[in-house]
Amino acid sequence: MLNHASLTEAVHFLAGIDADLAGIVAAHGHPPLWARTPGFPTLIHIILEQQVSLASAQAAFNKLAAAGQVTPQRFLKFSDEELRGFGFSRQKARYGRELSRAIESGDLDIDGLAA
């Protein structure tokens, strides 16, 4: 399980075998452990963050959230045009739909991921 202790242990191990990483850790300290609320909205946010700035992803997520609660059911109701308007690329919309369908069908136990 990833927690502060396991992250610290991993950073020490990797810095011990990689001089470049050791220098970065010495200069900047350990990387932060990002805590995110488990669930569908977070997974959609992570999809949006791929290959764009965090600010762009946040803006797109905010537009989506302004349209109502971020749920698999609601996501599947949005048209391609609506998702593009929120800031989703064609591929990210596809990933969001596939994730939504997997949750809706029971193929993915979203609550089980957090356990």
PDB file of N, CA and C in Angstrom:
ATOM      1  N   MET A   1       0.849  -1.176   0.000  1.00  0.00           N
ATOM      2  CA  MET A   1       0.000   0.000   0.000  1.00  0.00           C
ATOM      3  C   MET A   1       0.892   1.235   0.000  1.00  0.00           C
ATOM      4  N   LEU A   2       0.505   2.214  -0.775  1.00  0.00           N
ATOM      5  CA  LEU A   2       1.248   3.466  -0.837  1.00  0.00           C
ATOM      6  C   LEU A   2       0.767   4.394   0.267  1.00  0.00           C
ATOM      7  N   ASN A   3       1.702   4.738   1.140  1.00  0.00           N
ATOM      8  CA  ASN A   3       1.443   5.706   2.192  1.00  0.00           C
ATOM      9  C   ASN A   3       2.748   6.479   2.418  1.00  0.00           C
ATOM     10  N   HIS A   4       2.773   7.390   3.373  1.00  0.00           N
ATOM     11  CA  HIS A   4       3.970   8.203   3.588  1.00  0.00           C
ATOM     12  C   HIS A   4       5.184   7.340   3.919  1.00  0.00           C
ATOM     13  N   ALA A   5       4.999   6.340   4.754  1.00  0.00           N
ATOM     14  CA  ALA A   5       6.122   5.480   5.141  1.00  0.00           C
ATOM     15  C   ALA A   5       6.656   4.688   3.951  1.00  0.00           C
ATOM     16  N   SER A   6       5.767   4.107   3.157  1.00  0.00           N
ATOM     17  CA  SER A   6       6.235   3.306   2.021  1.00  0.00           C
ATOM     18  C   SER A   6       6.852   4.194   0.941  1.00  0.00           C
ATOM     19  N   LEU A   7       6.337   5.413   0.764  1.00  0.00           N
ATOM     20  CA  LEU A   7       6.932   6.342  -0.199  1.00  0.00           C
ATOM     21  C   LEU A   7       8.335   6.738   0.245  1.00  0.00           C
ATOM     22  N   THR A   8       8.502   7.055   1.519  1.00  0.00           N
ATOM     23  CA  THR A   8       9.818   7.414   2.048  1.00  0.00           C
ATOM     24  C   THR A   8      10.801   6.270   1.867  1.00  0.00           C
ATOM     25  N   GLU A   9      10.369   5.064   2.178  1.00  0.00           N
ATOM     26  CA  GLU A   9      11.221   3.883   2.015  1.00  0.00           C
ATOM     27  C   GLU A   9      11.623   3.698   0.549  1.00  0.00           C
ATOM     28  N   ALA A  10      10.692   3.853  -0.350  1.00  0.00           N
ATOM     29  CA  ALA A  10      10.978   3.682  -1.778  1.00  0.00           C
ATOM     30  C   ALA A  10      11.932   4.759  -2.286  1.00  0.00           C
ATOM     31  N   VAL A  11      11.735   6.002  -1.851  1.00  0.00           N
ATOM     32  CA  VAL A  11      12.628   7.087  -2.277  1.00  0.00           C
ATOM     33  C   VAL A  11      14.041   6.827  -1.778  1.00  0.00           C
ATOM     34  N   HIS A  12      14.188   6.412  -0.522  1.00  0.00           N
ATOM     35  CA  HIS A  12      15.521   6.096   0.014  1.00  0.00           C
ATOM     36  C   HIS A  12      16.174   4.969  -0.772  1.00  0.00           C
ATOM     37  N   PHE A  13      15.418   3.940  -1.078  1.00  0.00           N
ATOM     38  CA  PHE A  13      15.956   2.813  -1.841  1.00  0.00           C
ATOM     39  C   PHE A  13      16.421   3.268  -3.220  1.00  0.00           C
ATOM     40  N   LEU A  14      15.554   3.974  -3.938  1.00  0.00           N
ATOM     41  CA  LEU A  14      15.889   4.406  -5.298  1.00  0.00           C
ATOM     42  C   LEU A  14      17.034   5.418  -5.308  1.00  0.00           C
ATOM     43  N   ALA A  15      17.048   6.321  -4.335  1.00  0.00           N
ATOM     44  CA  ALA A  15      18.148   7.285  -4.251  1.00  0.00           C
ATOM     45  C   ALA A  15      19.467   6.582  -3.946  1.00  0.00           C
ATOM     46  N   GLY A  16      19.391   5.451  -3.263  1.00  0.00           N
ATOM     47  CA  GLY A  16      20.597   4.681  -2.963  1.00  0.00           C
ATOM     48  C   GLY A  16      21.202   4.003  -4.175  1.00  0.00           C
ATOM     49  N   ILE A  17      20.409   3.812  -5.222  1.00  0.00           N
ATOM     50  CA  ILE A  17      20.926   3.141  -6.422  1.00  0.00           C
ATOM     51  C   ILE A  17      20.992   4.069  -7.637  1.00  0.00           C
ATOM     52  N   ASP A  18      20.531   5.301  -7.485  1.00  0.00           N
ATOM     53  CA  ASP A  18      20.549   6.251  -8.600  1.00  0.00           C
ATOM     54  C   ASP A  18      21.082   7.591  -8.102  1.00  0.00           C
ATOM     55  N   ALA A  19      22.304   7.917  -8.516  1.00  0.00           N
ATOM     56  CA  ALA A  19      22.956   9.138  -8.040  1.00  0.00           C
ATOM     57  C   ALA A  19      22.192  10.397  -8.462  1.00  0.00           C
ATOM     58  N   ASP A  20      21.618  10.393  -9.654  1.00  0.00           N
ATOM     59  CA  ASP A  20      20.855  11.562 -10.106  1.00  0.00           C
ATOM     60  C   ASP A  20      19.644  11.801  -9.212  1.00  0.00           C
ATOM     61  N   LEU A  21      18.928  10.738  -8.902  1.00  0.00           N
ATOM     62  CA  LEU A  21      17.770  10.869  -8.018  1.00  0.00           C
ATOM     63  C   LEU A  21      18.211  11.295  -6.623  1.00  0.00           C
ATOM     64  N   ALA A  22      19.327  10.752  -6.150  1.00  0.00           N
ATOM     65  CA  ALA A  22      19.843  11.134  -4.835  1.00  0.00           C
ATOM     66  C   ALA A  22      20.114  12.635  -4.783  1.00  0.00           C
ATOM     67  N   GLY A  23      20.674  13.184  -5.863  1.00  0.00           N
ATOM     68  CA  GLY A  23      20.934  14.619  -5.918  1.00  0.00           C
ATOM     69  C   GLY A  23      19.658  15.441  -5.901  1.00  0.00           C
ATOM     70  N   ILE A  24      18.658  14.977  -6.612  1.00  0.00           N
ATOM     71  CA  ILE A  24      17.370  15.677  -6.644  1.00  0.00           C
ATOM     72  C   ILE A  24      16.722  15.657  -5.266  1.00  0.00           C
ATOM     73  N   VAL A  25      16.754  14.507  -4.615  1.00  0.00           N
ATOM     74  CA  VAL A  25      16.163  14.392  -3.275  1.00  0.00           C
ATOM     75  C   VAL A  25      16.924  15.268  -2.287  1.00  0.00           C
ATOM     76  N   ALA A  26      18.259  15.298  -2.411  1.00  0.00           N
ATOM     77  CA  ALA A  26      19.061  16.138  -1.522  1.00  0.00           C
ATOM     78  C   ALA A  26      18.738  17.619  -1.723  1.00  0.00           C
ATOM     79  N   ALA A  27      18.520  18.012  -2.962  1.00  0.00           N
ATOM     80  CA  ALA A  27      18.260  19.422  -3.264  1.00  0.00           C
ATOM     81  C   ALA A  27      16.825  19.847  -2.975  1.00  0.00           C
ATOM     82  N   HIS A  28      15.876  18.939  -3.190  1.00  0.00           N
ATOM     83  CA  HIS A  28      14.464  19.334  -3.128  1.00  0.00           C
ATOM     84  C   HIS A  28      13.626  18.583  -2.101  1.00  0.00           C
ATOM     85  N   GLY A  29      14.182  17.574  -1.485  1.00  0.00           N
ATOM     86  CA  GLY A  29      13.426  16.788  -0.525  1.00  0.00           C
ATOM     87  C   GLY A  29      12.596  15.708  -1.196  1.00  0.00           C
ATOM     88  N   HIS A  30      11.852  15.002  -0.389  1.00  0.00           N
ATOM     89  CA  HIS A  30      11.022  13.908  -0.895  1.00  0.00           C
ATOM     90  C   HIS A  30       9.823  14.454  -1.668  1.00  0.00           C
ATOM     91  N   PRO A  31       9.365  13.709  -2.654  1.00  0.00           N
ATOM     92  CA  PRO A  31       8.162  14.146  -3.370  1.00  0.00           C
ATOM     93  C   PRO A  31       6.942  14.028  -2.456  1.00  0.00           C
ATOM     94  N   PRO A  32       5.957  14.866  -2.694  1.00  0.00           N
ATOM     95  CA  PRO A  32       4.752  14.779  -1.867  1.00  0.00           C
ATOM     96  C   PRO A  32       3.926  13.549  -2.239  1.00  0.00           C
ATOM     97  N   LEU A  33       3.181  13.085  -1.285  1.00  0.00           N
ATOM     98  CA  LEU A  33       2.212  12.019  -1.537  1.00  0.00           C
ATOM     99  C   LEU A  33       0.868  12.699  -1.746  1.00  0.00           C
ATOM    100  N   TRP A  34       0.367  12.634  -2.958  1.00  0.00           N
ATOM    101  CA  TRP A  34      -0.900  13.271  -3.266  1.00  0.00           C
ATOM    102  C   TRP A  34      -2.035  12.408  -2.756  1.00  0.00           C
ATOM    103  N   ALA A  35      -2.847  12.994  -1.927  1.00  0.00           N
ATOM    104  CA  ALA A  35      -4.023  12.283  -1.431  1.00  0.00           C
ATOM    105  C   ALA A  35      -5.219  12.704  -2.278  1.00  0.00           C
ATOM    106  N   ARG A  36      -5.904  11.739  -2.803  1.00  0.00           N
ATOM    107  CA  ARG A  36      -7.090  12.016  -3.612  1.00  0.00           C
ATOM    108  C   ARG A  36      -8.248  11.194  -3.069  1.00  0.00           C
ATOM    109  N   THR A  37      -9.412  11.762  -3.148  1.00  0.00           N
ATOM    110  CA  THR A  37     -10.606  11.055  -2.723  1.00  0.00           C
ATOM    111  C   THR A  37     -10.875   9.919  -3.705  1.00  0.00           C
ATOM    112  N   PRO A  38     -10.985   8.690  -3.209  1.00  0.00           N
ATOM    113  CA  PRO A  38     -11.254   7.586  -4.131  1.00  0.00           C
ATOM    114  C   PRO A  38     -12.625   7.728  -4.780  1.00  0.00           C
ATOM    115  N   GLY A  39     -12.729   7.282  -6.017  1.00  0.00           N
ATOM    116  CA  GLY A  39     -14.027   7.275  -6.679  1.00  0.00           C
ATOM    117  C   GLY A  39     -13.962   7.682  -8.135  1.00  0.00           C
ATOM    118  N   PHE A  40     -15.101   7.636  -8.769  1.00  0.00           N
ATOM    119  CA  PHE A  40     -15.227   7.935 -10.189  1.00  0.00           C
ATOM    120  C   PHE A  40     -14.752   9.346 -10.553  1.00  0.00           C
ATOM    121  N   PRO A  41     -15.150  10.392  -9.807  1.00  0.00           N
ATOM    122  CA  PRO A  41     -14.690  11.728 -10.186  1.00  0.00           C
ATOM    123  C   PRO A  41     -13.163  11.843 -10.234  1.00  0.00           C
ATOM    124  N   THR A  42     -12.487  11.209  -9.293  1.00  0.00           N
ATOM    125  CA  THR A  42     -11.025  11.258  -9.282  1.00  0.00           C
ATOM    126  C   THR A  42     -10.440  10.544 -10.488  1.00  0.00           C
ATOM    127  N   LEU A  43     -11.000   9.416 -10.868  1.00  0.00           N
ATOM    128  CA  LEU A  43     -10.498   8.709 -12.051  1.00  0.00           C
ATOM    129  C   LEU A  43     -10.699   9.546 -13.315  1.00  0.00           C
ATOM    130  N   ILE A  44     -11.831  10.217 -13.427  1.00  0.00           N
ATOM    131  CA  ILE A  44     -12.062  11.098 -14.574  1.00  0.00           C
ATOM    132  C   ILE A  44     -11.050  12.245 -14.562  1.00  0.00           C
ATOM    133  N   HIS A  45     -10.797  12.795 -13.387  1.00  0.00           N
ATOM    134  CA  HIS A  45      -9.820  13.883 -13.267  1.00  0.00           C
ATOM    135  C   HIS A  45      -8.430  13.407 -13.704  1.00  0.00           C
ATOM    136  N   ILE A  46      -8.045  12.211 -13.317  1.00  0.00           N
ATOM    137  CA  ILE A  46      -6.749  11.652 -13.716  1.00  0.00           C
ATOM    138  C   ILE A  46      -6.690  11.470 -15.233  1.00  0.00           C
ATOM    139  N   ILE A  47      -7.766  11.006 -15.827  1.00  0.00           N
ATOM    140  CA  ILE A  47      -7.809  10.883 -17.293  1.00  0.00           C
ATOM    141  C   ILE A  47      -7.575  12.254 -17.930  1.00  0.00           C
ATOM    142  N   LEU A  48      -8.226  13.277 -17.404  1.00  0.00           N
ATOM    143  CA  LEU A  48      -8.067  14.623 -17.955  1.00  0.00           C
ATOM    144  C   LEU A  48      -6.641  15.142 -17.804  1.00  0.00           C
ATOM    145  N   GLU A  49      -5.935  14.718 -16.763  1.00  0.00           N
ATOM    146  CA  GLU A  49      -4.582  15.211 -16.503  1.00  0.00           C
ATOM    147  C   GLU A  49      -3.525  14.635 -17.438  1.00  0.00           C
ATOM    148  N   GLN A  50      -3.846  13.595 -18.154  1.00  0.00           N
ATOM    149  CA  GLN A  50      -2.855  12.960 -19.015  1.00  0.00           C
ATOM    150  C   GLN A  50      -2.467  13.884 -20.164  1.00  0.00           C
ATOM    151  N   GLN A  51      -1.182  14.167 -20.256  1.00  0.00           N
ATOM    152  CA  GLN A  51      -0.559  14.905 -21.362  1.00  0.00           C
ATOM    153  C   GLN A  51      -1.039  16.342 -21.509  1.00  0.00           C
ATOM    154  N   VAL A  52      -1.546  16.923 -20.447  1.00  0.00           N
ATOM    155  CA  VAL A  52      -1.887  18.349 -20.448  1.00  0.00           C
ATOM    156  C   VAL A  52      -1.445  18.938 -19.110  1.00  0.00           C
ATOM    157  N   SER A  53      -1.466  20.243 -19.003  1.00  0.00           N
ATOM    158  CA  SER A  53      -1.118  20.871 -17.733  1.00  0.00           C
ATOM    159  C   SER A  53      -2.192  20.558 -16.691  1.00  0.00           C
ATOM    160  N   LEU A  54      -1.780  20.599 -15.439  1.00  0.00           N
ATOM    161  CA  LEU A  54      -2.747  20.371 -14.362  1.00  0.00           C
ATOM    162  C   LEU A  54      -3.825  21.453 -14.370  1.00  0.00           C
ATOM    163  N   ALA A  55      -3.447  22.667 -14.746  1.00  0.00           N
ATOM    164  CA  ALA A  55      -4.428  23.757 -14.807  1.00  0.00           C
ATOM    165  C   ALA A  55      -5.477  23.492 -15.887  1.00  0.00           C
ATOM    166  N   SER A  56      -5.051  22.997 -17.037  1.00  0.00           N
ATOM    167  CA  SER A  56      -6.003  22.677 -18.111  1.00  0.00           C
ATOM    168  C   SER A  56      -6.947  21.570 -17.682  1.00  0.00           C
ATOM    169  N   ALA A  57      -6.386  20.550 -17.038  1.00  0.00           N
ATOM    170  CA  ALA A  57      -7.215  19.439 -16.573  1.00  0.00           C
ATOM    171  C   ALA A  57      -8.221  19.915 -15.531  1.00  0.00           C
ATOM    172  N   GLN A  58      -7.774  20.778 -14.627  1.00  0.00           N
ATOM    173  CA  GLN A  58      -8.678  21.289 -13.593  1.00  0.00           C
ATOM    174  C   GLN A  58      -9.801  22.108 -14.213  1.00  0.00           C
ATOM    175  N   ALA A  59      -9.465  22.922 -15.214  1.00  0.00           N
ATOM    176  CA  ALA A  59     -10.492  23.732 -15.883  1.00  0.00           C
ATOM    177  C   ALA A  59     -11.537  22.840 -16.552  1.00  0.00           C
ATOM    178  N   ALA A  60     -11.085  21.785 -17.227  1.00  0.00           N
ATOM    179  CA  ALA A  60     -12.018  20.861 -17.880  1.00  0.00           C
ATOM    180  C   ALA A  60     -12.881  20.152 -16.845  1.00  0.00           C
ATOM    181  N   PHE A  61     -12.260  19.710 -15.750  1.00  0.00           N
ATOM    182  CA  PHE A  61     -13.018  19.022 -14.709  1.00  0.00           C
ATOM    183  C   PHE A  61     -14.051  19.965 -14.087  1.00  0.00           C
ATOM    184  N   ASN A  62     -13.659  21.215 -13.870  1.00  0.00           N
ATOM    185  CA  ASN A  62     -14.598  22.188 -13.292  1.00  0.00           C
ATOM    186  C   ASN A  62     -15.811  22.388 -14.193  1.00  0.00           C
ATOM    187  N   LYS A  63     -15.598  22.429 -15.504  1.00  0.00           N
ATOM    188  CA  LYS A  63     -16.717  22.563 -16.447  1.00  0.00           C
ATOM    189  C   LYS A  63     -17.635  21.343 -16.364  1.00  0.00           C
ATOM    190  N   LEU A  64     -17.027  20.158 -16.296  1.00  0.00           N
ATOM    191  CA  LEU A  64     -17.817  18.932 -16.167  1.00  0.00           C
ATOM    192  C   LEU A  64     -18.623  18.953 -14.872  1.00  0.00           C
ATOM    193  N   ALA A  65     -17.966  19.299 -13.767  1.00  0.00           N
ATOM    194  CA  ALA A  65     -18.634  19.306 -12.464  1.00  0.00           C
ATOM    195  C   ALA A  65     -19.741  20.361 -12.402  1.00  0.00           C
ATOM    196  N   ALA A  66     -19.572  21.462 -13.121  1.00  0.00           N
ATOM    197  CA  ALA A  66     -20.603  22.504 -13.136  1.00  0.00           C
ATOM    198  C   ALA A  66     -21.886  22.016 -13.803  1.00  0.00           C
ATOM    199  N   ALA A  67     -21.773  20.965 -14.611  1.00  0.00           N
ATOM    200  CA  ALA A  67     -22.946  20.403 -15.293  1.00  0.00           C
ATOM    201  C   ALA A  67     -23.718  19.438 -14.404  1.00  0.00           C
ATOM    202  N   GLY A  68     -23.220  19.188 -13.204  1.00  0.00           N
ATOM    203  CA  GLY A  68     -23.901  18.292 -12.275  1.00  0.00           C
ATOM    204  C   GLY A  68     -22.934  17.301 -11.657  1.00  0.00           C
ATOM    205  N   GLN A  69     -23.446  16.506 -10.740  1.00  0.00           N
ATOM    206  CA  GLN A  69     -22.622  15.523 -10.048  1.00  0.00           C
ATOM    207  C   GLN A  69     -21.916  14.628 -11.065  1.00  0.00           C
ATOM    208  N   VAL A  70     -20.622  14.380 -10.824  1.00  0.00           N
ATOM    209  CA  VAL A  70     -19.820  13.567 -11.746  1.00  0.00           C
ATOM    210  C   VAL A  70     -20.011  12.096 -11.380  1.00  0.00           C
ATOM    211  N   THR A  71     -20.865  11.421 -12.151  1.00  0.00           N
ATOM    212  CA  THR A  71     -21.161  10.003 -11.933  1.00  0.00           C
ATOM    213  C   THR A  71     -21.062   9.266 -13.266  1.00  0.00           C
ATOM    214  N   PRO A  72     -20.876   7.952 -13.219  1.00  0.00           N
ATOM    215  CA  PRO A  72     -20.862   7.188 -14.472  1.00  0.00           C
ATOM    216  C   PRO A  72     -22.159   7.360 -15.266  1.00  0.00           C
ATOM    217  N   GLN A  73     -23.281   7.344 -14.578  1.00  0.00           N
ATOM    218  CA  GLN A  73     -24.573   7.468 -15.249  1.00  0.00           C
ATOM    219  C   GLN A  73     -24.685   8.796 -15.997  1.00  0.00           C
ATOM    220  N   ARG A  74     -24.317   9.868 -15.334  1.00  0.00           N
ATOM    221  CA  ARG A  74     -24.405  11.195 -15.943  1.00  0.00           C
ATOM    222  C   ARG A  74     -23.397  11.316 -17.080  1.00  0.00           C
ATOM    223  N   PHE A  75     -22.182  10.787 -16.879  1.00  0.00           N
ATOM    224  CA  PHE A  75     -21.150  10.889 -17.912  1.00  0.00           C
ATOM    225  C   PHE A  75     -21.622  10.261 -19.216  1.00  0.00           C
ATOM    226  N   LEU A  76     -22.279   9.116 -19.102  1.00  0.00           N
ATOM    227  CA  LEU A  76     -22.740   8.414 -20.303  1.00  0.00           C
ATOM    228  C   LEU A  76     -23.830   9.181 -21.055  1.00  0.00           C
ATOM    229  N   LYS A  77     -24.484  10.115 -20.399  1.00  0.00           N
ATOM    230  CA  LYS A  77     -25.549  10.885 -21.048  1.00  0.00           C
ATOM    231  C   LYS A  77     -25.022  12.054 -21.876  1.00  0.00           C
ATOM    232  N   PHE A  78     -23.772  12.455 -21.653  1.00  0.00           N
ATOM    233  CA  PHE A  78     -23.222  13.591 -22.396  1.00  0.00           C
ATOM    234  C   PHE A  78     -22.894  13.190 -23.826  1.00  0.00           C
ATOM    235  N   SER A  79     -23.186  14.083 -24.750  1.00  0.00           N
ATOM    236  CA  SER A  79     -22.841  13.858 -26.162  1.00  0.00           C
ATOM    237  C   SER A  79     -21.355  14.154 -26.380  1.00  0.00           C
ATOM    238  N   ASP A  80     -20.859  13.746 -27.529  1.00  0.00           N
ATOM    239  CA  ASP A  80     -19.473  14.065 -27.892  1.00  0.00           C
ATOM    240  C   ASP A  80     -19.251  15.577 -27.867  1.00  0.00           C
ATOM    241  N   GLU A  81     -20.207  16.314 -28.383  1.00  0.00           N
ATOM    242  CA  GLU A  81     -20.089  17.769 -28.439  1.00  0.00           C
ATOM    243  C   GLU A  81     -20.031  18.379 -27.040  1.00  0.00           C
ATOM    244  N   GLU A  82     -20.865  17.871 -26.148  1.00  0.00           N
ATOM    245  CA  GLU A  82     -20.850  18.383 -24.773  1.00  0.00           C
ATOM    246  C   GLU A  82     -19.512  18.097 -24.108  1.00  0.00           C
ATOM    247  N   LEU A  83     -19.018  16.876 -24.271  1.00  0.00           N
ATOM    248  CA  LEU A  83     -17.733  16.531 -23.660  1.00  0.00           C
ATOM    249  C   LEU A  83     -16.604  17.376 -24.250  1.00  0.00           C
ATOM    250  N   ARG A  84     -16.626  17.611 -25.551  1.00  0.00           N
ATOM    251  CA  ARG A  84     -15.624  18.487 -26.176  1.00  0.00           C
ATOM    252  C   ARG A  84     -15.717  19.895 -25.586  1.00  0.00           C
ATOM    253  N   GLY A  85     -16.924  20.345 -25.352  1.00  0.00           N
ATOM    254  CA  GLY A  85     -17.123  21.664 -24.755  1.00  0.00           C
ATOM    255  C   GLY A  85     -16.547  21.772 -23.352  1.00  0.00           C
ATOM    256  N   PHE A  86     -16.540  20.663 -22.634  1.00  0.00           N
ATOM    257  CA  PHE A  86     -15.941  20.643 -21.297  1.00  0.00           C
ATOM    258  C   PHE A  86     -14.418  20.612 -21.370  1.00  0.00           C
ATOM    259  N   GLY A  87     -13.873  20.150 -22.510  1.00  0.00           N
ATOM    260  CA  GLY A  87     -12.421  20.072 -22.655  1.00  0.00           C
ATOM    261  C   GLY A  87     -11.888  18.672 -22.848  1.00  0.00           C
ATOM    262  N   PHE A  88     -12.770  17.708 -23.104  1.00  0.00           N
ATOM    263  CA  PHE A  88     -12.349  16.330 -23.342  1.00  0.00           C
ATOM    264  C   PHE A  88     -11.942  16.161 -24.803  1.00  0.00           C
ATOM    265  N   SER A  89     -10.804  15.539 -25.029  1.00  0.00           N
ATOM    266  CA  SER A  89     -10.449  15.129 -26.386  1.00  0.00           C
ATOM    267  C   SER A  89     -11.314  13.926 -26.750  1.00  0.00           C
ATOM    268  N   ARG A  90     -11.299  13.564 -28.009  1.00  0.00           N
ATOM    269  CA  ARG A  90     -12.064  12.390 -28.452  1.00  0.00           C
ATOM    270  C   ARG A  90     -11.627  11.152 -27.672  1.00  0.00           C
ATOM    271  N   GLN A  91     -10.310  10.988 -27.509  1.00  0.00           N
ATOM    272  CA  GLN A  91      -9.790   9.808 -26.822  1.00  0.00           C
ATOM    273  C   GLN A  91     -10.139   9.817 -25.330  1.00  0.00           C
ATOM    274  N   LYS A  92     -10.040  10.964 -24.690  1.00  0.00           N
ATOM    275  CA  LYS A  92     -10.367  11.038 -23.263  1.00  0.00           C
ATOM    276  C   LYS A  92     -11.857  10.814 -23.027  1.00  0.00           C
ATOM    277  N   ALA A  93     -12.685  11.284 -23.933  1.00  0.00           N
ATOM    278  CA  ALA A  93     -14.123  11.009 -23.837  1.00  0.00           C
ATOM    279  C   ALA A  93     -14.361   9.507 -23.942  1.00  0.00           C
ATOM    280  N   ARG A  94     -13.646   8.864 -24.852  1.00  0.00           N
ATOM    281  CA  ARG A  94     -13.778   7.405 -25.007  1.00  0.00           C
ATOM    282  C   ARG A  94     -13.361   6.686 -23.723  1.00  0.00           C
ATOM    283  N   TYR A  95     -12.228   7.097 -23.148  1.00  0.00           N
ATOM    284  CA  TYR A  95     -11.778   6.473 -21.897  1.00  0.00           C
ATOM    285  C   TYR A  95     -12.810   6.669 -20.795  1.00  0.00           C
ATOM    286  N   GLY A  96     -13.368   7.875 -20.698  1.00  0.00           N
ATOM    287  CA  GLY A  96     -14.382   8.148 -19.684  1.00  0.00           C
ATOM    288  C   GLY A  96     -15.628   7.303 -19.877  1.00  0.00           C
ATOM    289  N   ARG A  97     -16.028   7.127 -21.126  1.00  0.00           N
ATOM    290  CA  ARG A  97     -17.202   6.288 -21.409  1.00  0.00           C
ATOM    291  C   ARG A  97     -16.923   4.821 -21.091  1.00  0.00           C
ATOM    292  N   GLU A  98     -15.751   4.341 -21.473  1.00  0.00           N
ATOM    293  CA  GLU A  98     -15.408   2.941 -21.181  1.00  0.00           C
ATOM    294  C   GLU A  98     -15.355   2.703 -19.677  1.00  0.00           C
ATOM    295  N   LEU A  99     -14.779   3.637 -18.943  1.00  0.00           N
ATOM    296  CA  LEU A  99     -14.752   3.534 -17.487  1.00  0.00           C
ATOM    297  C   LEU A  99     -16.176   3.524 -16.937  1.00  0.00           C
ATOM    298  N   SER A 100     -17.007   4.426 -17.418  1.00  0.00           N
ATOM    299  CA  SER A 100     -18.400   4.503 -16.961  1.00  0.00           C
ATOM    300  C   SER A 100     -19.152   3.211 -17.240  1.00  0.00           C
ATOM    301  N   ARG A 101     -18.985   2.677 -18.440  1.00  0.00           N
ATOM    302  CA  ARG A 101     -19.666   1.420 -18.797  1.00  0.00           C
ATOM    303  C   ARG A 101     -19.189   0.263 -17.929  1.00  0.00           C
ATOM    304  N   ALA A 102     -17.894   0.206 -17.660  1.00  0.00           N
ATOM    305  CA  ALA A 102     -17.360  -0.880 -16.830  1.00  0.00           C
ATOM    306  C   ALA A 102     -17.932  -0.815 -15.418  1.00  0.00           C
ATOM    307  N   ILE A 103     -18.086   0.379 -14.894  1.00  0.00           N
ATOM    308  CA  ILE A 103     -18.662   0.542 -13.554  1.00  0.00           C
ATOM    309  C   ILE A 103     -20.146   0.193 -13.579  1.00  0.00           C
ATOM    310  N   GLU A 104     -20.858   0.718 -14.560  1.00  0.00           N
ATOM    311  CA  GLU A 104     -22.297   0.468 -14.672  1.00  0.00           C
ATOM    312  C   GLU A 104     -22.611  -1.014 -14.861  1.00  0.00           C
ATOM    313  N   SER A 105     -21.789  -1.720 -15.615  1.00  0.00           N
ATOM    314  CA  SER A 105     -22.039  -3.145 -15.875  1.00  0.00           C
ATOM    315  C   SER A 105     -21.611  -4.036 -14.718  1.00  0.00           C
ATOM    316  N   GLY A 106     -20.848  -3.473 -13.785  1.00  0.00           N
ATOM    317  CA  GLY A 106     -20.338  -4.273 -12.677  1.00  0.00           C
ATOM    318  C   GLY A 106     -19.013  -4.946 -12.983  1.00  0.00           C
ATOM    319  N   ASP A 107     -18.473  -4.720 -14.184  1.00  0.00           N
ATOM    320  CA  ASP A 107     -17.171  -5.298 -14.521  1.00  0.00           C
ATOM    321  C   ASP A 107     -16.050  -4.676 -13.698  1.00  0.00           C
ATOM    322  N   LEU A 108     -16.249  -3.442 -13.242  1.00  0.00           N
ATOM    323  CA  LEU A 108     -15.270  -2.760 -12.397  1.00  0.00           C
ATOM    324  C   LEU A 108     -15.950  -2.362 -11.101  1.00  0.00           C
ATOM    325  N   ASP A 109     -15.423  -2.852  -9.995  1.00  0.00           N
ATOM    326  CA  ASP A 109     -15.937  -2.514  -8.669  1.00  0.00           C
ATOM    327  C   ASP A 109     -15.180  -1.291  -8.168  1.00  0.00           C
ATOM    328  N   ILE A 110     -15.733  -0.129  -8.427  1.00  0.00           N
ATOM    329  CA  ILE A 110     -15.060   1.121  -8.080  1.00  0.00           C
ATOM    330  C   ILE A 110     -14.823   1.237  -6.579  1.00  0.00           C
ATOM    331  N   ASP A 111     -15.767   0.768  -5.777  1.00  0.00           N
ATOM    332  CA  ASP A 111     -15.597   0.830  -4.328  1.00  0.00           C
ATOM    333  C   ASP A 111     -14.499  -0.116  -3.864  1.00  0.00           C
ATOM    334  N   GLY A 112     -14.331  -1.223  -4.569  1.00  0.00           N
ATOM    335  CA  GLY A 112     -13.286  -2.177  -4.217  1.00  0.00           C
ATOM    336  C   GLY A 112     -11.888  -1.643  -4.457  1.00  0.00           C
ATOM    337  N   LEU A 113     -11.739  -0.674  -5.357  1.00  0.00           N
ATOM    338  CA  LEU A 113     -10.422  -0.094  -5.617  1.00  0.00           C
ATOM    339  C   LEU A 113      -9.886   0.648  -4.404  1.00  0.00           C
ATOM    340  N   ALA A 114     -10.778   1.238  -3.633  1.00  0.00           N
ATOM    341  CA  ALA A 114     -10.362   2.029  -2.477  1.00  0.00           C
ATOM    342  C   ALA A 114     -10.059   1.165  -1.260  1.00  0.00           C
ATOM    343  N   ALA A 115     -10.460  -0.083  -1.310  1.00  0.00           N
ATOM    344  CA  ALA A 115     -10.269  -0.953  -0.137  1.00  0.00           C
ATOM    345  C   ALA A 115      -8.829  -1.397   0.015  1.00  0.00           C
TER     346      ALA A 115
END
